């Protein structure tokens, strides 16, 4: 083990209150000199929101809610909702199997 890093990320609201999780992530040192974090299955790489929060955004968009109302309800910017929409639906870089892994 090398050290710890603190990461703050957003999760689903609890009883209509916005929720942020603060996590101490372990960093490991490889014998080759590289550093890497422990893998977390509820947090996608480079994301600051949990996988279930992302899936909640997608479900609301599927229920024909517009981007602005989803953003206001979940305390996100419209740009964040658009990026989620683009990453999981519009972008051809992301295979459908990856979308299934979120749930």
PDB file of N, CA and C in Angstrom:
ATOM      1  N   UNK A   1       0.840  -1.175   0.000  1.00  0.00           N
ATOM      2  CA  UNK A   1       0.000   0.000   0.000  1.00  0.00           C
ATOM      3  C   UNK A   1       0.890   1.245   0.000  1.00  0.00           C
ATOM      4  N   UNK A   2       0.460   2.245  -0.759  1.00  0.00           N
ATOM      5  CA  UNK A   2       1.234   3.479  -0.870  1.00  0.00           C
ATOM      6  C   UNK A   2       0.684   4.561   0.063  1.00  0.00           C
ATOM      7  N   UNK A   3      -0.569   4.938  -0.140  1.00  0.00           N
ATOM      8  CA  UNK A   3      -1.199   5.948   0.709  1.00  0.00           C
ATOM      9  C   UNK A   3      -2.708   5.924   0.493  1.00  0.00           C
ATOM     10  N   UNK A   4      -3.385   6.936   1.037  1.00  0.00           N
ATOM     11  CA  UNK A   4      -4.824   7.085   0.885  1.00  0.00           C
ATOM     12  C   UNK A   4      -5.116   8.402   0.195  1.00  0.00           C
ATOM     13  N   UNK A   5      -6.198   8.413  -0.592  1.00  0.00           N
ATOM     14  CA  UNK A   5      -6.702   9.646  -1.189  1.00  0.00           C
ATOM     15  C   UNK A   5      -8.178   9.755  -0.849  1.00  0.00           C
ATOM     16  N   UNK A   6      -8.625  10.940  -0.531  1.00  0.00           N
ATOM     17  CA  UNK A   6     -10.029  11.168  -0.231  1.00  0.00           C
ATOM     18  C   UNK A   6     -10.744  11.607  -1.497  1.00  0.00           C
ATOM     19  N   UNK A   7     -11.870  10.966  -1.773  1.00  0.00           N
ATOM     20  CA  UNK A   7     -12.666  11.312  -2.945  1.00  0.00           C
ATOM     21  C   UNK A   7     -14.108  11.535  -2.507  1.00  0.00           C
ATOM     22  N   UNK A   8     -14.692  12.600  -3.003  1.00  0.00           N
ATOM     23  CA  UNK A   8     -16.079  12.943  -2.701  1.00  0.00           C
ATOM     24  C   UNK A   8     -16.890  12.738  -3.962  1.00  0.00           C
ATOM     25  N   UNK A   9     -18.014  12.022  -3.841  1.00  0.00           N
ATOM     26  CA  UNK A   9     -18.854  11.818  -5.015  1.00  0.00           C
ATOM     27  C   UNK A   9     -20.318  11.810  -4.611  1.00  0.00           C
ATOM     28  N   UNK A  10     -21.169  12.023  -5.622  1.00  0.00           N
ATOM     29  CA  UNK A  10     -22.594  12.203  -5.415  1.00  0.00           C
ATOM     30  C   UNK A  10     -23.316  10.872  -5.548  1.00  0.00           C
ATOM     31  N   UNK A  11     -24.320  10.670  -4.682  1.00  0.00           N
ATOM     32  CA  UNK A  11     -25.143   9.471  -4.729  1.00  0.00           C
ATOM     33  C   UNK A  11     -26.615   9.883  -4.772  1.00  0.00           C
ATOM     34  N   UNK A  12     -27.489   8.899  -4.854  1.00  0.00           N
ATOM     35  CA  UNK A  12     -28.926   9.166  -4.907  1.00  0.00           C
ATOM     36  C   UNK A  12     -29.386   9.918  -3.664  1.00  0.00           C
ATOM     37  N   UNK A  13     -30.371  10.798  -3.819  1.00  0.00           N
ATOM     38  CA  UNK A  13     -30.907  11.499  -2.642  1.00  0.00           C
ATOM     39  C   UNK A  13     -31.531  10.518  -1.650  1.00  0.00           C
ATOM     40  N   UNK A  14     -31.389  10.817  -0.380  1.00  0.00           N
ATOM     41  CA  UNK A  14     -32.007  10.024   0.683  1.00  0.00           C
ATOM     42  C   UNK A  14     -33.025  10.913   1.373  1.00  0.00           C
ATOM     43  N   UNK A  15     -34.282  10.490   1.351  1.00  0.00           N
ATOM     44  CA  UNK A  15     -35.389  11.257   1.920  1.00  0.00           C
ATOM     45  C   UNK A  15     -35.371  12.708   1.437  1.00  0.00           C
ATOM     46  N   UNK A  16     -35.229  12.858   0.134  1.00  0.00           N
ATOM     47  CA  UNK A  16     -35.244  14.160  -0.540  1.00  0.00           C
ATOM     48  C   UNK A  16     -34.096  15.088  -0.124  1.00  0.00           C
ATOM     49  N   UNK A  17     -33.036  14.530   0.438  1.00  0.00           N
ATOM     50  CA  UNK A  17     -31.839  15.307   0.785  1.00  0.00           C
ATOM     51  C   UNK A  17     -30.706  14.872  -0.133  1.00  0.00           C
ATOM     52  N   UNK A  18     -29.955  15.813  -0.641  1.00  0.00           N
ATOM     53  CA  UNK A  18     -28.831  15.498  -1.510  1.00  0.00           C
ATOM     54  C   UNK A  18     -27.764  14.761  -0.717  1.00  0.00           C
ATOM     55  N   UNK A  19     -27.166  13.766  -1.339  1.00  0.00           N
ATOM     56  CA  UNK A  19     -26.221  12.903  -0.646  1.00  0.00           C
ATOM     57  C   UNK A  19     -24.859  12.936  -1.314  1.00  0.00           C
ATOM     58  N   UNK A  20     -23.832  13.156  -0.525  1.00  0.00           N
ATOM     59  CA  UNK A  20     -22.457  13.071  -0.977  1.00  0.00           C
ATOM     60  C   UNK A  20     -21.745  12.050  -0.107  1.00  0.00           C
ATOM     61  N   UNK A  21     -20.958  11.208  -0.735  1.00  0.00           N
ATOM     62  CA  UNK A  21     -20.197  10.203  -0.017  1.00  0.00           C
ATOM     63  C   UNK A  21     -18.727  10.601  -0.065  1.00  0.00           C
ATOM     64  N   UNK A  22     -18.078  10.573   1.076  1.00  0.00           N
ATOM     65  CA  UNK A  22     -16.650  10.854   1.151  1.00  0.00           C
ATOM     66  C   UNK A  22     -15.966   9.523   1.456  1.00  0.00           C
ATOM     67  N   UNK A  23     -15.075   9.129   0.585  1.00  0.00           N
ATOM     68  CA  UNK A  23     -14.447   7.820   0.693  1.00  0.00           C
ATOM     69  C   UNK A  23     -12.929   7.964   0.698  1.00  0.00           C
ATOM     70  N   UNK A  24     -12.299   7.249   1.588  1.00  0.00           N
ATOM     71  CA  UNK A  24     -10.831   7.183   1.605  1.00  0.00           C
ATOM     72  C   UNK A  24     -10.412   6.017   0.734  1.00  0.00           C
ATOM     73  N   UNK A  25      -9.895   6.305  -0.451  1.00  0.00           N
ATOM     74  CA  UNK A  25      -9.479   5.264  -1.373  1.00  0.00           C
ATOM     75  C   UNK A  25      -8.015   4.930  -1.157  1.00  0.00           C
ATOM     76  N   UNK A  26      -7.722   3.650  -1.137  1.00  0.00           N
ATOM     77  CA  UNK A  26      -6.338   3.221  -0.984  1.00  0.00           C
ATOM     78  C   UNK A  26      -5.617   3.312  -2.317  1.00  0.00           C
ATOM     79  N   UNK A  27      -4.373   3.723  -2.265  1.00  0.00           N
ATOM     80  CA  UNK A  27      -3.511   3.717  -3.445  1.00  0.00           C
ATOM     81  C   UNK A  27      -2.386   2.736  -3.197  1.00  0.00           C
ATOM     82  N   UNK A  28      -2.108   1.962  -4.213  1.00  0.00           N
ATOM     83  CA  UNK A  28      -1.076   0.940  -4.110  1.00  0.00           C
ATOM     84  C   UNK A  28       0.099   1.308  -4.998  1.00  0.00           C
ATOM     85  N   UNK A  29       1.268   0.824  -4.620  1.00  0.00           N
ATOM     86  CA  UNK A  29       2.477   1.039  -5.406  1.00  0.00           C
ATOM     87  C   UNK A  29       2.918  -0.306  -5.972  1.00  0.00           C
ATOM     88  N   UNK A  30       3.121  -0.341  -7.280  1.00  0.00           N
ATOM     89  CA  UNK A  30       3.593  -1.546  -7.953  1.00  0.00           C
ATOM     90  C   UNK A  30       5.125  -1.571  -7.874  1.00  0.00           C
ATOM     91  N   UNK A  31       5.686  -2.740  -8.047  1.00  0.00           N
ATOM     92  CA  UNK A  31       7.150  -2.847  -8.022  1.00  0.00           C
ATOM     93  C   UNK A  31       7.790  -2.114  -9.195  1.00  0.00           C
ATOM     94  N   UNK A  32       7.007  -1.862 -10.270  1.00  0.00           N
ATOM     95  CA  UNK A  32       7.530  -1.124 -11.425  1.00  0.00           C
ATOM     96  C   UNK A  32       7.524   0.383 -11.188  1.00  0.00           C
ATOM     97  N   UNK A  33       6.916   0.822 -10.075  1.00  0.00           N
ATOM     98  CA  UNK A  33       6.915   2.247  -9.753  1.00  0.00           C
ATOM     99  C   UNK A  33       5.591   2.945 -10.010  1.00  0.00           C
ATOM    100  N   UNK A  34       4.639   2.283 -10.672  1.00  0.00           N
ATOM    101  CA  UNK A  34       3.338   2.905 -10.955  1.00  0.00           C
ATOM    102  C   UNK A  34       2.457   2.860  -9.719  1.00  0.00           C
ATOM    103  N   UNK A  35       1.553   3.829  -9.644  1.00  0.00           N
ATOM    104  CA  UNK A  35       0.589   3.904  -8.556  1.00  0.00           C
ATOM    105  C   UNK A  35      -0.804   3.653  -9.140  1.00  0.00           C
ATOM    106  N   UNK A  36      -1.651   2.979  -8.380  1.00  0.00           N
ATOM    107  CA  UNK A  36      -3.022   2.740  -8.834  1.00  0.00           C
ATOM    108  C   UNK A  36      -3.946   2.645  -7.625  1.00  0.00           C
ATOM    109  N   UNK A  37      -5.245   2.962  -7.889  1.00  0.00           N
ATOM    110  CA  UNK A  37      -6.268   2.917  -6.848  1.00  0.00           C
ATOM    111  C   UNK A  37      -6.906   1.547  -6.784  1.00  0.00           C
ATOM    112  N   UNK A  38      -7.522   1.274  -5.640  1.00  0.00           N
ATOM    113  CA  UNK A  38      -8.317   0.062  -5.551  1.00  0.00           C
ATOM    114  C   UNK A  38      -9.538   0.205  -6.459  1.00  0.00           C
ATOM    115  N   UNK A  39     -10.029  -0.897  -6.972  1.00  0.00           N
ATOM    116  CA  UNK A  39     -11.158  -0.880  -7.891  1.00  0.00           C
ATOM    117  C   UNK A  39     -12.458  -0.903  -7.097  1.00  0.00           C
ATOM    118  N   UNK A  40     -13.374  -0.009  -7.439  1.00  0.00           N
ATOM    119  CA  UNK A  40     -14.667   0.075  -6.772  1.00  0.00           C
ATOM    120  C   UNK A  40     -15.756  -0.235  -7.802  1.00  0.00           C
ATOM    121  N   UNK A  41     -16.616  -1.204  -7.511  1.00  0.00           N
ATOM    122  CA  UNK A  41     -17.616  -1.604  -8.494  1.00  0.00           C
ATOM    123  C   UNK A  41     -18.814  -0.663  -8.558  1.00  0.00           C
ATOM    124  N   UNK A  42     -18.997   0.209  -7.596  1.00  0.00           N
ATOM    125  CA  UNK A  42     -20.133   1.135  -7.621  1.00  0.00           C
ATOM    126  C   UNK A  42     -19.768   2.508  -8.175  1.00  0.00           C
ATOM    127  N   UNK A  43     -18.523   2.674  -8.601  1.00  0.00           N
ATOM    128  CA  UNK A  43     -18.067   3.962  -9.100  1.00  0.00           C
ATOM    129  C   UNK A  43     -17.292   3.737 -10.394  1.00  0.00           C
ATOM    130  N   UNK A  44     -17.812   4.292 -11.498  1.00  0.00           N
ATOM    131  CA  UNK A  44     -17.131   4.150 -12.770  1.00  0.00           C
ATOM    132  C   UNK A  44     -15.853   4.983 -12.774  1.00  0.00           C
ATOM    133  N   UNK A  45     -14.902   4.570 -13.551  1.00  0.00           N
ATOM    134  CA  UNK A  45     -13.616   5.261 -13.601  1.00  0.00           C
ATOM    135  C   UNK A  45     -13.789   6.699 -14.088  1.00  0.00           C
ATOM    136  N   UNK A  46     -13.148   7.618 -13.434  1.00  0.00           N
ATOM    137  CA  UNK A  46     -13.164   9.057 -13.716  1.00  0.00           C
ATOM    138  C   UNK A  46     -14.515   9.725 -13.429  1.00  0.00           C
ATOM    139  N   UNK A  47     -15.473   9.039 -12.840  1.00  0.00           N
ATOM    140  CA  UNK A  47     -16.771   9.632 -12.546  1.00  0.00           C
ATOM    141  C   UNK A  47     -16.804  10.121 -11.108  1.00  0.00           C
ATOM    142  N   UNK A  48     -17.593  11.142 -10.873  1.00  0.00           N
ATOM    143  CA  UNK A  48     -17.774  11.687  -9.532  1.00  0.00           C
ATOM    144  C   UNK A  48     -19.194  11.429  -9.032  1.00  0.00           C
ATOM    145  N   UNK A  49     -19.908  10.521  -9.712  1.00  0.00           N
ATOM    146  CA  UNK A  49     -21.230  10.102  -9.279  1.00  0.00           C
ATOM    147  C   UNK A  49     -21.288   8.582  -9.342  1.00  0.00           C
ATOM    148  N   UNK A  50     -22.087   7.972  -8.452  1.00  0.00           N
ATOM    149  CA  UNK A  50     -22.141   6.518  -8.382  1.00  0.00           C
ATOM    150  C   UNK A  50     -22.860   5.931  -9.591  1.00  0.00           C
ATOM    151  N   UNK A  51     -22.661   4.653  -9.814  1.00  0.00           N
ATOM    152  CA  UNK A  51     -23.292   3.952 -10.936  1.00  0.00           C
ATOM    153  C   UNK A  51     -24.809   3.953 -10.803  1.00  0.00           C
ATOM    154  N   UNK A  52     -25.312   3.778  -9.601  1.00  0.00           N
ATOM    155  CA  UNK A  52     -26.763   3.778  -9.449  1.00  0.00           C
ATOM    156  C   UNK A  52     -27.350   5.165  -9.656  1.00  0.00           C
ATOM    157  N   UNK A  53     -26.577   6.213  -9.385  1.00  0.00           N
ATOM    158  CA  UNK A  53     -27.039   7.567  -9.674  1.00  0.00           C
ATOM    159  C   UNK A  53     -27.120   7.783 -11.183  1.00  0.00           C
ATOM    160  N   UNK A  54     -26.131   7.280 -11.909  1.00  0.00           N
ATOM    161  CA  UNK A  54     -26.144   7.358 -13.374  1.00  0.00           C
ATOM    162  C   UNK A  54     -27.342   6.601 -13.926  1.00  0.00           C
ATOM    163  N   UNK A  55     -27.598   5.405 -13.401  1.00  0.00           N
ATOM    164  CA  UNK A  55     -28.733   4.623 -13.883  1.00  0.00           C
ATOM    165  C   UNK A  55     -30.052   5.316 -13.566  1.00  0.00           C
ATOM    166  N   UNK A  56     -30.123   6.033 -12.452  1.00  0.00           N
ATOM    167  CA  UNK A  56     -31.317   6.800 -12.119  1.00  0.00           C
ATOM    168  C   UNK A  56     -31.561   7.913 -13.137  1.00  0.00           C
ATOM    169  N   UNK A  57     -30.494   8.582 -13.548  1.00  0.00           N
ATOM    170  CA  UNK A  57     -30.608   9.625 -14.579  1.00  0.00           C
ATOM    171  C   UNK A  57     -31.126   9.016 -15.880  1.00  0.00           C
ATOM    172  N   UNK A  58     -30.585   7.877 -16.265  1.00  0.00           N
ATOM    173  CA  UNK A  58     -30.980   7.224 -17.508  1.00  0.00           C
ATOM    174  C   UNK A  58     -32.443   6.783 -17.450  1.00  0.00           C
ATOM    175  N   UNK A  59     -32.856   6.227 -16.324  1.00  0.00           N
ATOM    176  CA  UNK A  59     -34.252   5.789 -16.178  1.00  0.00           C
ATOM    177  C   UNK A  59     -35.204   6.972 -16.288  1.00  0.00           C
ATOM    178  N   UNK A  60     -34.858   8.085 -15.666  1.00  0.00           N
ATOM    179  CA  UNK A  60     -35.720   9.268 -15.763  1.00  0.00           C
ATOM    180  C   UNK A  60     -35.782   9.805 -17.186  1.00  0.00           C
ATOM    181  N   UNK A  61     -34.677   9.748 -17.900  1.00  0.00           N
ATOM    182  CA  UNK A  61     -34.690  10.185 -19.297  1.00  0.00           C
ATOM    183  C   UNK A  61     -35.534   9.242 -20.156  1.00  0.00           C
ATOM    184  N   UNK A  62     -35.493   7.950 -19.839  1.00  0.00           N
ATOM    185  CA  UNK A  62     -36.308   6.980 -20.576  1.00  0.00           C
ATOM    186  C   UNK A  62     -37.797   7.190 -20.324  1.00  0.00           C
ATOM    187  N   UNK A  63     -38.159   7.739 -19.198  1.00  0.00           N
ATOM    188  CA  UNK A  63     -39.557   7.985 -18.862  1.00  0.00           C
ATOM    189  C   UNK A  63     -40.054   9.300 -19.457  1.00  0.00           C
ATOM    190  N   UNK A  64     -39.362   9.785 -20.475  1.00  0.00           N
ATOM    191  CA  UNK A  64     -39.741  10.976 -21.240  1.00  0.00           C
ATOM    192  C   UNK A  64     -39.703  12.265 -20.434  1.00  0.00           C
ATOM    193  N   UNK A  65     -38.829  12.316 -19.436  1.00  0.00           N
ATOM    194  CA  UNK A  65     -38.583  13.582 -18.761  1.00  0.00           C
ATOM    195  C   UNK A  65     -37.544  14.343 -19.572  1.00  0.00           C
ATOM    196  N   UNK A  66     -37.665  15.653 -19.607  1.00  0.00           N
ATOM    197  CA  UNK A  66     -36.664  16.398 -20.366  1.00  0.00           C
ATOM    198  C   UNK A  66     -35.400  16.598 -19.535  1.00  0.00           C
ATOM    199  N   UNK A  67     -34.342  16.990 -20.207  1.00  0.00           N
ATOM    200  CA  UNK A  67     -33.024  17.096 -19.584  1.00  0.00           C
ATOM    201  C   UNK A  67     -33.020  18.101 -18.439  1.00  0.00           C
ATOM    202  N   UNK A  68     -33.692  19.216 -18.639  1.00  0.00           N
ATOM    203  CA  UNK A  68     -33.683  20.260 -17.612  1.00  0.00           C
ATOM    204  C   UNK A  68     -34.407  19.814 -16.344  1.00  0.00           C
ATOM    205  N   UNK A  69     -35.536  19.129 -16.483  1.00  0.00           N
ATOM    206  CA  UNK A  69     -36.268  18.689 -15.291  1.00  0.00           C
ATOM    207  C   UNK A  69     -35.499  17.600 -14.538  1.00  0.00           C
ATOM    208  N   UNK A  70     -34.826  16.710 -15.265  1.00  0.00           N
ATOM    209  CA  UNK A  70     -33.999  15.685 -14.617  1.00  0.00           C
ATOM    210  C   UNK A  70     -32.849  16.352 -13.871  1.00  0.00           C
ATOM    211  N   UNK A  71     -32.215  17.313 -14.489  1.00  0.00           N
ATOM    212  CA  UNK A  71     -31.096  18.020 -13.859  1.00  0.00           C
ATOM    213  C   UNK A  71     -31.543  18.745 -12.589  1.00  0.00           C
ATOM    214  N   UNK A  72     -32.677  19.413 -12.643  1.00  0.00           N
ATOM    215  CA  UNK A  72     -33.174  20.133 -11.460  1.00  0.00           C
ATOM    216  C   UNK A  72     -33.556  19.179 -10.341  1.00  0.00           C
ATOM    217  N   UNK A  73     -34.219  18.078 -10.684  1.00  0.00           N
ATOM    218  CA  UNK A  73     -34.675  17.137  -9.666  1.00  0.00           C
ATOM    219  C   UNK A  73     -33.516  16.441  -8.963  1.00  0.00           C
ATOM    220  N   UNK A  74     -32.442  16.152  -9.696  1.00  0.00           N
ATOM    221  CA  UNK A  74     -31.319  15.405  -9.134  1.00  0.00           C
ATOM    222  C   UNK A  74     -30.125  16.283  -8.764  1.00  0.00           C
ATOM    223  N   UNK A  75     -30.298  17.596  -8.847  1.00  0.00           N
ATOM    224  CA  UNK A  75     -29.244  18.548  -8.484  1.00  0.00           C
ATOM    225  C   UNK A  75     -27.988  18.343  -9.340  1.00  0.00           C
ATOM    226  N   UNK A  76     -28.197  18.250 -10.646  1.00  0.00           N
ATOM    227  CA  UNK A  76     -27.108  18.140 -11.609  1.00  0.00           C
ATOM    228  C   UNK A  76     -27.198  19.295 -12.580  1.00  0.00           C
ATOM    229  N   UNK A  77     -26.116  19.563 -13.271  1.00  0.00           N
ATOM    230  CA  UNK A  77     -26.186  20.549 -14.340  1.00  0.00           C
ATOM    231  C   UNK A  77     -26.772  19.879 -15.585  1.00  0.00           C
ATOM    232  N   UNK A  78     -27.339  20.678 -16.456  1.00  0.00           N
ATOM    233  CA  UNK A  78     -27.880  20.117 -17.701  1.00  0.00           C
ATOM    234  C   UNK A  78     -26.759  19.509 -18.541  1.00  0.00           C
ATOM    235  N   UNK A  79     -25.569  20.061 -18.442  1.00  0.00           N
ATOM    236  CA  UNK A  79     -24.430  19.529 -19.187  1.00  0.00           C
ATOM    237  C   UNK A  79     -24.054  18.124 -18.695  1.00  0.00           C
ATOM    238  N   UNK A  80     -24.142  17.890 -17.395  1.00  0.00           N
ATOM    239  CA  UNK A  80     -23.845  16.565 -16.857  1.00  0.00           C
ATOM    240  C   UNK A  80     -24.862  15.549 -17.361  1.00  0.00           C
ATOM    241  N   UNK A  81     -26.131  15.912 -17.364  1.00  0.00           N
ATOM    242  CA  UNK A  81     -27.171  15.014 -17.875  1.00  0.00           C
ATOM    243  C   UNK A  81     -26.939  14.736 -19.361  1.00  0.00           C
ATOM    244  N   UNK A  82     -26.565  15.755 -20.117  1.00  0.00           N
ATOM    245  CA  UNK A  82     -26.274  15.566 -21.542  1.00  0.00           C
ATOM    246  C   UNK A  82     -25.076  14.645 -21.737  1.00  0.00           C
ATOM    247  N   UNK A  83     -24.040  14.779 -20.913  1.00  0.00           N
ATOM    248  CA  UNK A  83     -22.868  13.901 -21.033  1.00  0.00           C
ATOM    249  C   UNK A  83     -23.234  12.451 -20.728  1.00  0.00           C
ATOM    250  N   UNK A  84     -24.065  12.242 -19.712  1.00  0.00           N
ATOM    251  CA  UNK A  84     -24.522  10.883 -19.397  1.00  0.00           C
ATOM    252  C   UNK A  84     -25.315  10.312 -20.558  1.00  0.00           C
ATOM    253  N   UNK A  85     -26.217  11.110 -21.103  1.00  0.00           N
ATOM    254  CA  UNK A  85     -27.014  10.679 -22.249  1.00  0.00           C
ATOM    255  C   UNK A  85     -26.116  10.334 -23.426  1.00  0.00           C
ATOM    256  N   UNK A  86     -25.154  11.162 -23.707  1.00  0.00           N
ATOM    257  CA  UNK A  86     -24.256  10.937 -24.833  1.00  0.00           C
ATOM    258  C   UNK A  86     -23.389   9.696 -24.605  1.00  0.00           C
ATOM    259  N   UNK A  87     -22.870   9.538 -23.408  1.00  0.00           N
ATOM    260  CA  UNK A  87     -21.967   8.430 -23.114  1.00  0.00           C
ATOM    261  C   UNK A  87     -22.661   7.083 -23.219  1.00  0.00           C
ATOM    262  N   UNK A  88     -23.916   6.993 -22.765  1.00  0.00           N
ATOM    263  CA  UNK A  88     -24.586   5.693 -22.723  1.00  0.00           C
ATOM    264  C   UNK A  88     -25.524   5.426 -23.888  1.00  0.00           C
ATOM    265  N   UNK A  89     -25.919   6.440 -24.634  1.00  0.00           N
ATOM    266  CA  UNK A  89     -26.865   6.202 -25.721  1.00  0.00           C
ATOM    267  C   UNK A  89     -26.343   6.593 -27.099  1.00  0.00           C
ATOM    268  N   UNK A  90     -25.761   7.748 -27.210  1.00  0.00           N
ATOM    269  CA  UNK A  90     -25.419   8.288 -28.518  1.00  0.00           C
ATOM    270  C   UNK A  90     -24.046   7.824 -28.985  1.00  0.00           C
ATOM    271  N   UNK A  91     -23.101   7.768 -28.071  1.00  0.00           N
ATOM    272  CA  UNK A  91     -21.735   7.414 -28.427  1.00  0.00           C
ATOM    273  C   UNK A  91     -21.644   5.953 -28.860  1.00  0.00           C
ATOM    274  N   UNK A  92     -20.973   5.714 -29.945  1.00  0.00           N
ATOM    275  CA  UNK A  92     -20.774   4.351 -30.430  1.00  0.00           C
ATOM    276  C   UNK A  92     -19.572   3.691 -29.756  1.00  0.00           C
ATOM    277  N   UNK A  93     -18.827   4.453 -28.964  1.00  0.00           N
ATOM    278  CA  UNK A  93     -17.663   3.908 -28.267  1.00  0.00           C
ATOM    279  C   UNK A  93     -18.091   2.959 -27.150  1.00  0.00           C
ATOM    280  N   UNK A  94     -19.275   3.158 -26.647  1.00  0.00           N
ATOM    281  CA  UNK A  94     -19.734   2.410 -25.481  1.00  0.00           C
ATOM    282  C   UNK A  94     -20.670   1.291 -25.922  1.00  0.00           C
ATOM    283  N   UNK A  95     -20.237   0.030 -25.859  1.00  0.00           N
ATOM    284  CA  UNK A  95     -21.125  -1.062 -26.248  1.00  0.00           C
ATOM    285  C   UNK A  95     -22.287  -1.213 -25.271  1.00  0.00           C
ATOM    286  N   UNK A  96     -23.361  -1.815 -25.729  1.00  0.00           N
ATOM    287  CA  UNK A  96     -24.555  -1.967 -24.902  1.00  0.00           C
ATOM    288  C   UNK A  96     -24.275  -2.820 -23.667  1.00  0.00           C
ATOM    289  N   UNK A  97     -23.329  -3.744 -23.763  1.00  0.00           N
ATOM    290  CA  UNK A  97     -23.023  -4.591 -22.614  1.00  0.00           C
ATOM    291  C   UNK A  97     -22.491  -3.761 -21.449  1.00  0.00           C
ATOM    292  N   UNK A  98     -21.814  -2.662 -21.749  1.00  0.00           N
ATOM    293  CA  UNK A  98     -21.304  -1.819 -20.676  1.00  0.00           C
ATOM    294  C   UNK A  98     -22.446  -1.135 -19.938  1.00  0.00           C
ATOM    295  N   UNK A  99     -23.515  -0.760 -20.676  1.00  0.00           N
ATOM    296  CA  UNK A  99     -24.674  -0.143 -20.057  1.00  0.00           C
ATOM    297  C   UNK A  99     -25.320  -1.120 -19.088  1.00  0.00           C
ATOM    298  N   UNK A 100     -25.368  -2.397 -19.435  1.00  0.00           N
ATOM    299  CA  UNK A 100     -25.977  -3.408 -18.581  1.00  0.00           C
ATOM    300  C   UNK A 100     -25.187  -3.593 -17.292  1.00  0.00           C
ATOM    301  N   UNK A 101     -23.899  -3.318 -17.296  1.00  0.00           N
ATOM    302  CA  UNK A 101     -23.078  -3.514 -16.120  1.00  0.00           C
ATOM    303  C   UNK A 101     -23.403  -2.499 -15.019  1.00  0.00           C
ATOM    304  N   UNK A 102     -24.017  -1.389 -15.366  1.00  0.00           N
ATOM    305  CA  UNK A 102     -24.333  -0.367 -14.375  1.00  0.00           C
ATOM    306  C   UNK A 102     -25.386  -0.875 -13.409  1.00  0.00           C
ATOM    307  N   UNK A 103     -26.384  -1.555 -13.933  1.00  0.00           N
ATOM    308  CA  UNK A 103     -27.470  -2.047 -13.087  1.00  0.00           C
ATOM    309  C   UNK A 103     -26.991  -3.254 -12.387  1.00  0.00           C
TER     310      UNK A 103
END
